Amino acid sequence: MNNNPTSDAQRAANRANAQHSTGARTESGKAKVSLNALKTGLTGCTVVLPSEDAELYRTHIAGYEKELQPVGIQESHLVQSLADLRWRLNRIPGLELAICSYGRAEFADMFADSPEPTRAFLIELHVSNVYEKQLRNLRLHENRLARRREKEQAELRALQQERKAKEAKEKEEAGKTASKPPQPEPARTATAGPQNGFEFSNPPANPVSPSAPAAETPEIAVETAA
């Protein structure tokens, strides 16, 4: 059982409040609301807007890859991101121009009693005041994208410098190895083969031939005393 039933008076008040929050009703009001919800493509995953040229975007990416020549996954991702950031940054001046052009057309009949060129300046000032939020948001996005781009440029530069230094070191070491003369093999000591089926670790100093006569012992003449 509901302990706090809604009274008829409360329901009537809710219906009345709802009538005050139905949004813009006039054409100019609806146009302002639609401009407030403008999808700029400066955030999120969508880089190329439906109104933009996809082929021009592919040419833009190819130009970055040709100039920066990434090697490996990390460098390729950074180059892709840098190209996307520049694509978004290039869109901002066009968005600013669109807002200002829309505002000039919307307020073209204002300040009719003012002489030219004062009237044109007053219209520009009024456009800036009315669409100050949208223009400020574009500048904030521009600063954010520019800072991110500078950071990723530095990161890519560091990666490429590190890779090139490593490649140069490997090339230098390979050159040293190729120019080093081959080392001669150590000379082998010839050893005497076995003689008569025997090997002598120390050959005899004065070998005796079996056919040679035995050395005679010289006779020593002994003189006897007469």
C-alpha atoms as a PDB file:
ATOM      1  CA  MET A   1       0.000   0.000   0.000  1.00  0.00           C
ATOM      2  CA  ASN A   2       1.369   3.441  -0.980  1.00  0.00           C
ATOM      3  CA  ASN A   3       1.802   5.531   2.185  1.00  0.00           C
ATOM      4  CA  ASN A   4       2.474   8.726   0.209  1.00  0.00           C
ATOM      5  CA  PRO A   5      -0.136   8.938  -2.539  1.00  0.00           C
ATOM      6  CA  THR A   6       0.222  11.687  -5.113  1.00  0.00           C
ATOM      7  CA  SER A   7      -2.625  14.161  -4.785  1.00  0.00           C
ATOM      8  CA  ASP A   8      -4.492  15.661  -7.703  1.00  0.00           C
ATOM      9  CA  ALA A   9      -2.924  19.027  -6.917  1.00  0.00           C
ATOM     10  CA  GLN A  10       0.569  17.577  -7.119  1.00  0.00           C
ATOM     11  CA  ARG A  11      -0.143  15.902 -10.460  1.00  0.00           C
ATOM     12  CA  ALA A  12      -1.457  19.166 -11.832  1.00  0.00           C
ATOM     13  CA  ALA A  13       1.655  20.975 -10.638  1.00  0.00           C
ATOM     14  CA  ASN A  14       3.898  18.400 -12.300  1.00  0.00           C
ATOM     15  CA  ARG A  15       2.068  18.813 -15.586  1.00  0.00           C
ATOM     16  CA  ALA A  16       2.413  22.571 -15.361  1.00  0.00           C
ATOM     17  CA  ASN A  17       6.150  22.344 -14.679  1.00  0.00           C
ATOM     18  CA  ALA A  18       6.597  20.018 -17.638  1.00  0.00           C
ATOM     19  CA  GLN A  19       5.163  22.663 -19.930  1.00  0.00           C
ATOM     20  CA  HIS A  20       8.048  24.972 -18.997  1.00  0.00           C
ATOM     21  CA  SER A  21      10.770  22.490 -20.023  1.00  0.00           C
ATOM     22  CA  THR A  22       9.752  21.568 -23.535  1.00  0.00           C
ATOM     23  CA  GLY A  23      12.738  23.313 -25.065  1.00  0.00           C
ATOM     24  CA  ALA A  24      12.979  26.015 -27.685  1.00  0.00           C
ATOM     25  CA  ARG A  25       9.825  26.716 -29.678  1.00  0.00           C
ATOM     26  CA  THR A  26      10.747  29.537 -32.066  1.00  0.00           C
ATOM     27  CA  GLU A  27      12.817  28.929 -35.203  1.00  0.00           C
ATOM     28  CA  SER A  28      15.719  31.060 -33.940  1.00  0.00           C
ATOM     29  CA  GLY A  29      15.612  29.290 -30.586  1.00  0.00           C
ATOM     30  CA  LYS A  30      15.655  25.875 -32.220  1.00  0.00           C
ATOM     31  CA  ALA A  31      18.574  26.963 -34.389  1.00  0.00           C
ATOM     32  CA  LYS A  32      20.531  28.045 -31.320  1.00  0.00           C
ATOM     33  CA  VAL A  33      19.888  24.722 -29.599  1.00  0.00           C
ATOM     34  CA  SER A  34      20.990  22.783 -32.668  1.00  0.00           C
ATOM     35  CA  LEU A  35      24.155  24.878 -32.820  1.00  0.00           C
ATOM     36  CA  ASN A  36      24.838  24.192 -29.145  1.00  0.00           C
ATOM     37  CA  ALA A  37      24.745  20.467 -29.918  1.00  0.00           C
ATOM     38  CA  LEU A  38      26.986  20.827 -32.958  1.00  0.00           C
ATOM     39  CA  LYS A  39      29.047  17.680 -33.509  1.00  0.00           C
ATOM     40  CA  THR A  40      32.482  19.071 -34.232  1.00  0.00           C
ATOM     41  CA  GLY A  41      34.350  15.765 -34.370  1.00  0.00           C
ATOM     42  CA  LEU A  42      37.084  17.282 -32.190  1.00  0.00           C
ATOM     43  CA  THR A  43      36.600  14.554 -29.586  1.00  0.00           C
ATOM     44  CA  GLY A  44      35.674  10.892 -29.655  1.00  0.00           C
ATOM     45  CA  CYS A  45      36.607   8.150 -32.070  1.00  0.00           C
ATOM     46  CA  THR A  46      35.185   9.702 -35.232  1.00  0.00           C
ATOM     47  CA  VAL A  47      37.928  11.577 -37.061  1.00  0.00           C
ATOM     48  CA  VAL A  48      36.378  12.120 -40.492  1.00  0.00           C
ATOM     49  CA  LEU A  49      32.935  13.721 -40.478  1.00  0.00           C
ATOM     50  CA  PRO A  50      30.306  12.619 -43.026  1.00  0.00           C
ATOM     51  CA  SER A  51      30.616  16.016 -44.722  1.00  0.00           C
ATOM     52  CA  GLU A  52      34.387  15.626 -45.231  1.00  0.00           C
ATOM     53  CA  ASP A  53      36.242  14.013 -48.122  1.00  0.00           C
ATOM     54  CA  ALA A  54      37.422  10.516 -47.162  1.00  0.00           C
ATOM     55  CA  GLU A  55      39.816  10.352 -50.119  1.00  0.00           C
ATOM     56  CA  LEU A  56      41.404  13.622 -49.052  1.00  0.00           C
ATOM     57  CA  TYR A  57      41.843  12.161 -45.572  1.00  0.00           C
ATOM     58  CA  ARG A  58      43.633   9.088 -46.988  1.00  0.00           C
ATOM     59  CA  THR A  59      45.945  11.361 -48.977  1.00  0.00           C
ATOM     60  CA  HIS A  60      46.593  13.323 -45.773  1.00  0.00           C
ATOM     61  CA  ILE A  61      47.585  10.145 -43.909  1.00  0.00           C
ATOM     62  CA  ALA A  62      49.816   8.935 -46.758  1.00  0.00           C
ATOM     63  CA  GLY A  63      51.662  12.252 -46.737  1.00  0.00           C
ATOM     64  CA  TYR A  64      52.451  11.920 -43.035  1.00  0.00           C
ATOM     65  CA  GLU A  65      53.673   8.344 -43.468  1.00  0.00           C
ATOM     66  CA  LYS A  66      55.887   9.341 -46.398  1.00  0.00           C
ATOM     67  CA  GLU A  67      57.448  12.251 -44.526  1.00  0.00           C
ATOM     68  CA  LEU A  68      57.912  10.674 -41.105  1.00  0.00           C
ATOM     69  CA  GLN A  69      58.652   7.097 -42.327  1.00  0.00           C
ATOM     70  CA  PRO A  70      57.587   5.172 -39.213  1.00  0.00           C
ATOM     71  CA  VAL A  71      59.181   1.819 -38.401  1.00  0.00           C
ATOM     72  CA  GLY A  72      57.376  -0.616 -36.110  1.00  0.00           C
ATOM     73  CA  ILE A  73      54.043  -0.493 -34.334  1.00  0.00           C
ATOM     74  CA  GLN A  74      54.791   2.316 -31.882  1.00  0.00           C
ATOM     75  CA  GLU A  75      56.053   4.743 -34.498  1.00  0.00           C
ATOM     76  CA  SER A  76      53.178   3.888 -36.848  1.00  0.00           C
ATOM     77  CA  HIS A  77      50.580   4.553 -34.143  1.00  0.00           C
ATOM     78  CA  LEU A  78      52.160   7.901 -33.285  1.00  0.00           C
ATOM     79  CA  VAL A  79      52.277   8.976 -36.933  1.00  0.00           C
ATOM     80  CA  GLN A  80      48.606   8.027 -37.368  1.00  0.00           C
ATOM     81  CA  SER A  81      47.677   9.975 -34.237  1.00  0.00           C
ATOM     82  CA  LEU A  82      49.666  13.029 -35.331  1.00  0.00           C
ATOM     83  CA  ALA A  83      47.936  13.024 -38.697  1.00  0.00           C
ATOM     84  CA  ASP A  84      44.506  12.746 -37.034  1.00  0.00           C
ATOM     85  CA  LEU A  85      45.306  15.566 -34.635  1.00  0.00           C
ATOM     86  CA  ARG A  86      46.331  17.830 -37.491  1.00  0.00           C
ATOM     87  CA  TRP A  87      43.148  16.872 -39.377  1.00  0.00           C
ATOM     88  CA  ARG A  88      41.025  17.930 -36.390  1.00  0.00           C
ATOM     89  CA  LEU A  89      43.018  21.133 -35.881  1.00  0.00           C
ATOM     90  CA  ASN A  90      42.540  22.066 -39.530  1.00  0.00           C
ATOM     91  CA  ARG A  91      38.784  21.797 -39.020  1.00  0.00           C
ATOM     92  CA  ILE A  92      38.594  24.439 -36.257  1.00  0.00           C
ATOM     93  CA  PRO A  93      38.966  27.591 -38.429  1.00  0.00           C
ATOM     94  CA  GLY A  94      36.120  26.354 -40.615  1.00  0.00           C
ATOM     95  CA  LEU A  95      33.921  25.776 -37.580  1.00  0.00           C
ATOM     96  CA  GLU A  96      34.659  29.270 -36.272  1.00  0.00           C
ATOM     97  CA  LEU A  97      33.800  30.720 -39.665  1.00  0.00           C
ATOM     98  CA  ALA A  98      30.548  28.739 -39.758  1.00  0.00           C
ATOM     99  CA  ILE A  99      29.463  30.030 -36.344  1.00  0.00           C
ATOM    100  CA  CYS A 100      30.254  33.626 -37.198  1.00  0.00           C
ATOM    101  CA  SER A 101      28.572  33.401 -40.607  1.00  0.00           C
ATOM    102  CA  TYR A 102      25.488  31.911 -39.029  1.00  0.00           C
ATOM    103  CA  GLY A 103      25.405  34.684 -36.435  1.00  0.00           C
ATOM    104  CA  ARG A 104      25.786  37.435 -39.043  1.00  0.00           C
ATOM    105  CA  ALA A 105      22.856  36.020 -41.015  1.00  0.00           C
ATOM    106  CA  GLU A 106      20.765  35.672 -37.837  1.00  0.00           C
ATOM    107  CA  PHE A 107      21.364  39.258 -36.701  1.00  0.00           C
ATOM    108  CA  ALA A 108      21.595  40.903 -40.134  1.00  0.00           C
ATOM    109  CA  ASP A 109      18.622  43.171 -39.434  1.00  0.00           C
ATOM    110  CA  MET A 110      19.914  44.506 -36.123  1.00  0.00           C
ATOM    111  CA  PHE A 111      21.329  47.997 -35.556  1.00  0.00           C
ATOM    112  CA  ALA A 112      19.617  49.330 -38.652  1.00  0.00           C
ATOM    113  CA  ASP A 113      19.864  52.916 -37.383  1.00  0.00           C
ATOM    114  CA  SER A 114      23.661  52.758 -37.055  1.00  0.00           C
ATOM    115  CA  PRO A 115      25.834  53.907 -39.971  1.00  0.00           C
ATOM    116  CA  GLU A 116      28.261  51.615 -41.755  1.00  0.00           C
ATOM    117  CA  PRO A 117      30.829  50.328 -40.875  1.00  0.00           C
ATOM    118  CA  THR A 118      29.746  50.802 -37.244  1.00  0.00           C
ATOM    119  CA  ARG A 119      26.714  48.617 -37.838  1.00  0.00           C
ATOM    120  CA  ALA A 120      28.883  45.737 -39.111  1.00  0.00           C
ATOM    121  CA  PHE A 121      31.105  45.979 -36.033  1.00  0.00           C
ATOM    122  CA  LEU A 122      28.074  45.953 -33.754  1.00  0.00           C
ATOM    123  CA  ILE A 123      26.752  42.827 -35.431  1.00  0.00           C
ATOM    124  CA  GLU A 124      30.150  41.114 -35.053  1.00  0.00           C
ATOM    125  CA  LEU A 125      30.230  42.043 -31.374  1.00  0.00           C
ATOM    126  CA  HIS A 126      26.723  40.733 -30.881  1.00  0.00           C
ATOM    127  CA  VAL A 127      27.593  37.447 -32.589  1.00  0.00           C
ATOM    128  CA  SER A 128      30.648  37.076 -30.351  1.00  0.00           C
ATOM    129  CA  ASN A 129      28.555  37.688 -27.242  1.00  0.00           C
ATOM    130  CA  VAL A 130      25.722  35.337 -28.211  1.00  0.00           C
ATOM    131  CA  TYR A 131      27.973  32.491 -29.366  1.00  0.00           C
ATOM    132  CA  GLU A 132      30.769  33.146 -26.912  1.00  0.00           C
ATOM    133  CA  LYS A 133      30.400  29.692 -25.362  1.00  0.00           C
ATOM    134  CA  GLN A 134      30.720  27.860 -28.670  1.00  0.00           C
ATOM    135  CA  LEU A 135      33.707  29.929 -29.779  1.00  0.00           C
ATOM    136  CA  ARG A 136      35.399  29.496 -26.403  1.00  0.00           C
ATOM    137  CA  ASN A 137      34.916  25.724 -26.563  1.00  0.00           C
ATOM    138  CA  LEU A 138      36.573  25.654 -29.975  1.00  0.00           C
ATOM    139  CA  ARG A 139      39.605  27.485 -28.586  1.00  0.00           C
ATOM    140  CA  LEU A 140      39.784  25.082 -25.647  1.00  0.00           C
ATOM    141  CA  HIS A 141      39.708  22.120 -28.031  1.00  0.00           C
ATOM    142  CA  GLU A 142      42.382  23.764 -30.165  1.00  0.00           C
ATOM    143  CA  ASN A 143      44.719  24.228 -27.189  1.00  0.00           C
ATOM    144  CA  ARG A 144      44.109  20.676 -25.989  1.00  0.00           C
ATOM    145  CA  LEU A 145      44.796  19.149 -29.401  1.00  0.00           C
ATOM    146  CA  ALA A 146      47.896  21.301 -29.902  1.00  0.00           C
ATOM    147  CA  ARG A 147      49.370  20.243 -26.551  1.00  0.00           C
ATOM    148  CA  ARG A 148      48.735  16.581 -27.293  1.00  0.00           C
ATOM    149  CA  ARG A 149      50.298  16.949 -30.719  1.00  0.00           C
ATOM    150  CA  GLU A 150      53.458  18.515 -29.281  1.00  0.00           C
ATOM    151  CA  LYS A 151      53.741  15.687 -26.743  1.00  0.00           C
ATOM    152  CA  GLU A 152      53.376  12.959 -29.357  1.00  0.00           C
ATOM    153  CA  GLN A 153      55.814  14.698 -31.700  1.00  0.00           C
ATOM    154  CA  ALA A 154      58.436  14.644 -28.951  1.00  0.00           C
ATOM    155  CA  GLU A 155      57.689  10.986 -28.217  1.00  0.00           C
ATOM    156  CA  LEU A 156      58.038  10.025 -31.879  1.00  0.00           C
ATOM    157  CA  ARG A 157      61.269  11.999 -32.202  1.00  0.00           C
ATOM    158  CA  ALA A 158      62.754  10.204 -29.180  1.00  0.00           C
ATOM    159  CA  LEU A 159      61.755   6.778 -30.515  1.00  0.00           C
ATOM    160  CA  GLN A 160      63.252   7.435 -33.924  1.00  0.00           C
ATOM    161  CA  GLN A 161      66.480   8.832 -32.504  1.00  0.00           C
ATOM    162  CA  GLU A 162      66.863   5.788 -30.261  1.00  0.00           C
ATOM    163  CA  ARG A 163      66.201   3.416 -33.171  1.00  0.00           C
ATOM    164  CA  LYS A 164      68.629   5.188 -35.502  1.00  0.00           C
ATOM    165  CA  ALA A 165      71.351   5.216 -32.844  1.00  0.00           C
ATOM    166  CA  LYS A 166      70.887   1.476 -32.326  1.00  0.00           C
ATOM    167  CA  GLU A 167      71.015   0.815 -36.074  1.00  0.00           C
ATOM    168  CA  ALA A 168      74.206   2.893 -36.420  1.00  0.00           C
ATOM    169  CA  LYS A 169      75.862   0.985 -33.568  1.00  0.00           C
ATOM    170  CA  GLU A 170      74.942  -2.380 -35.074  1.00  0.00           C
ATOM    171  CA  LYS A 171      76.259  -1.259 -38.470  1.00  0.00           C
ATOM    172  CA  GLU A 172      79.532  -0.099 -36.902  1.00  0.00           C
ATOM    173  CA  GLU A 173      80.006  -3.399 -35.071  1.00  0.00           C
ATOM    174  CA  ALA A 174      79.259  -5.358 -38.244  1.00  0.00           C
ATOM    175  CA  GLY A 175      81.870  -3.293 -40.107  1.00  0.00           C
ATOM    176  CA  LYS A 176      84.518  -4.000 -37.492  1.00  0.00           C
ATOM    177  CA  THR A 177      83.846  -7.731 -37.672  1.00  0.00           C
ATOM    178  CA  ALA A 178      84.074  -7.738 -41.471  1.00  0.00           C
ATOM    179  CA  SER A 179      87.403  -5.816 -41.542  1.00  0.00           C
ATOM    180  CA  LYS A 180      89.117  -7.962 -38.902  1.00  0.00           C
ATOM    181  CA  PRO A 181      91.763 -10.299 -40.572  1.00  0.00           C
ATOM    182  CA  PRO A 182      91.352 -14.036 -39.996  1.00  0.00           C
ATOM    183  CA  GLN A 183      93.570 -15.482 -37.278  1.00  0.00           C
ATOM    184  CA  PRO A 184      96.073 -18.211 -38.455  1.00  0.00           C
ATOM    185  CA  GLU A 185      95.660 -21.656 -36.995  1.00  0.00           C
ATOM    186  CA  PRO A 186      98.371 -22.679 -34.486  1.00  0.00           C
ATOM    187  CA  ALA A 187     101.194 -24.827 -35.968  1.00  0.00           C
ATOM    188  CA  ARG A 188     101.024 -28.502 -35.133  1.00  0.00           C
ATOM    189  CA  THR A 189     104.158 -30.241 -33.720  1.00  0.00           C
ATOM    190  CA  ALA A 190     105.192 -33.224 -35.818  1.00  0.00           C
ATOM    191  CA  THR A 191     105.714 -36.405 -33.826  1.00  0.00           C
ATOM    192  CA  ALA A 192     107.866 -39.345 -34.883  1.00  0.00           C
ATOM    193  CA  GLY A 193     105.967 -42.412 -35.938  1.00  0.00           C
ATOM    194  CA  PRO A 194     106.405 -45.774 -34.261  1.00  0.00           C
ATOM    195  CA  GLN A 195     109.708 -47.588 -35.010  1.00  0.00           C
ATOM    196  CA  ASN A 196     109.678 -51.369 -35.389  1.00  0.00           C
ATOM    197  CA  GLY A 197     106.295 -51.459 -33.739  1.00  0.00           C
ATOM    198  CA  PHE A 198     107.475 -49.585 -30.656  1.00  0.00           C
ATOM    199  CA  GLU A 199     107.115 -46.004 -29.637  1.00  0.00           C
ATOM    200  CA  PHE A 200     109.786 -44.381 -27.556  1.00  0.00           C
ATOM    201  CA  SER A 201     108.821 -41.531 -25.393  1.00  0.00           C
ATOM    202  CA  ASN A 202     112.513 -40.527 -25.252  1.00  0.00           C
ATOM    203  CA  PRO A 203     114.625 -41.826 -28.104  1.00  0.00           C
ATOM    204  CA  PRO A 204     118.089 -43.152 -27.094  1.00  0.00           C
ATOM    205  CA  ALA A 205     120.782 -40.524 -27.137  1.00  0.00           C
ATOM    206  CA  ASN A 206     123.286 -42.771 -28.962  1.00  0.00           C
ATOM    207  CA  PRO A 207     121.547 -45.603 -30.710  1.00  0.00           C
ATOM    208  CA  VAL A 208     123.619 -48.682 -31.400  1.00  0.00           C
ATOM    209  CA  SER A 209     123.260 -50.546 -34.615  1.00  0.00           C
ATOM    210  CA  PRO A 210     123.022 -54.314 -34.125  1.00  0.00           C
ATOM    211  CA  SER A 211     125.549 -54.933 -36.905  1.00  0.00           C
ATOM    212  CA  ALA A 212     128.199 -52.605 -35.532  1.00  0.00           C
ATOM    213  CA  PRO A 213     131.072 -54.282 -33.706  1.00  0.00           C
ATOM    214  CA  ALA A 214     131.313 -53.801 -30.043  1.00  0.00           C
ATOM    215  CA  ALA A 215     133.650 -51.073 -29.028  1.00  0.00           C
ATOM    216  CA  GLU A 216     137.023 -52.410 -28.036  1.00  0.00           C
ATOM    217  CA  THR A 217     138.386 -51.486 -24.698  1.00  0.00           C
ATOM    218  CA  PRO A 218     141.732 -49.848 -25.246  1.00  0.00           C
ATOM    219  CA  GLU A 219     144.632 -51.587 -23.618  1.00  0.00           C
ATOM    220  CA  ILE A 220     146.479 -49.534 -21.184  1.00  0.00           C
ATOM    221  CA  ALA A 221     150.211 -50.020 -21.328  1.00  0.00           C
ATOM    222  CA  VAL A 222     151.624 -50.341 -17.906  1.00  0.00           C
ATOM    223  CA  GLU A 223     155.194 -49.487 -17.591  1.00  0.00           C
ATOM    224  CA  THR A 224     156.997 -51.521 -15.058  1.00  0.00           C
ATOM    225  CA  ALA A 225     159.855 -50.231 -13.372  1.00  0.00           C
ATOM    226  CA  ALA A 226     163.051 -51.737 -14.653  1.00  0.00           C
END
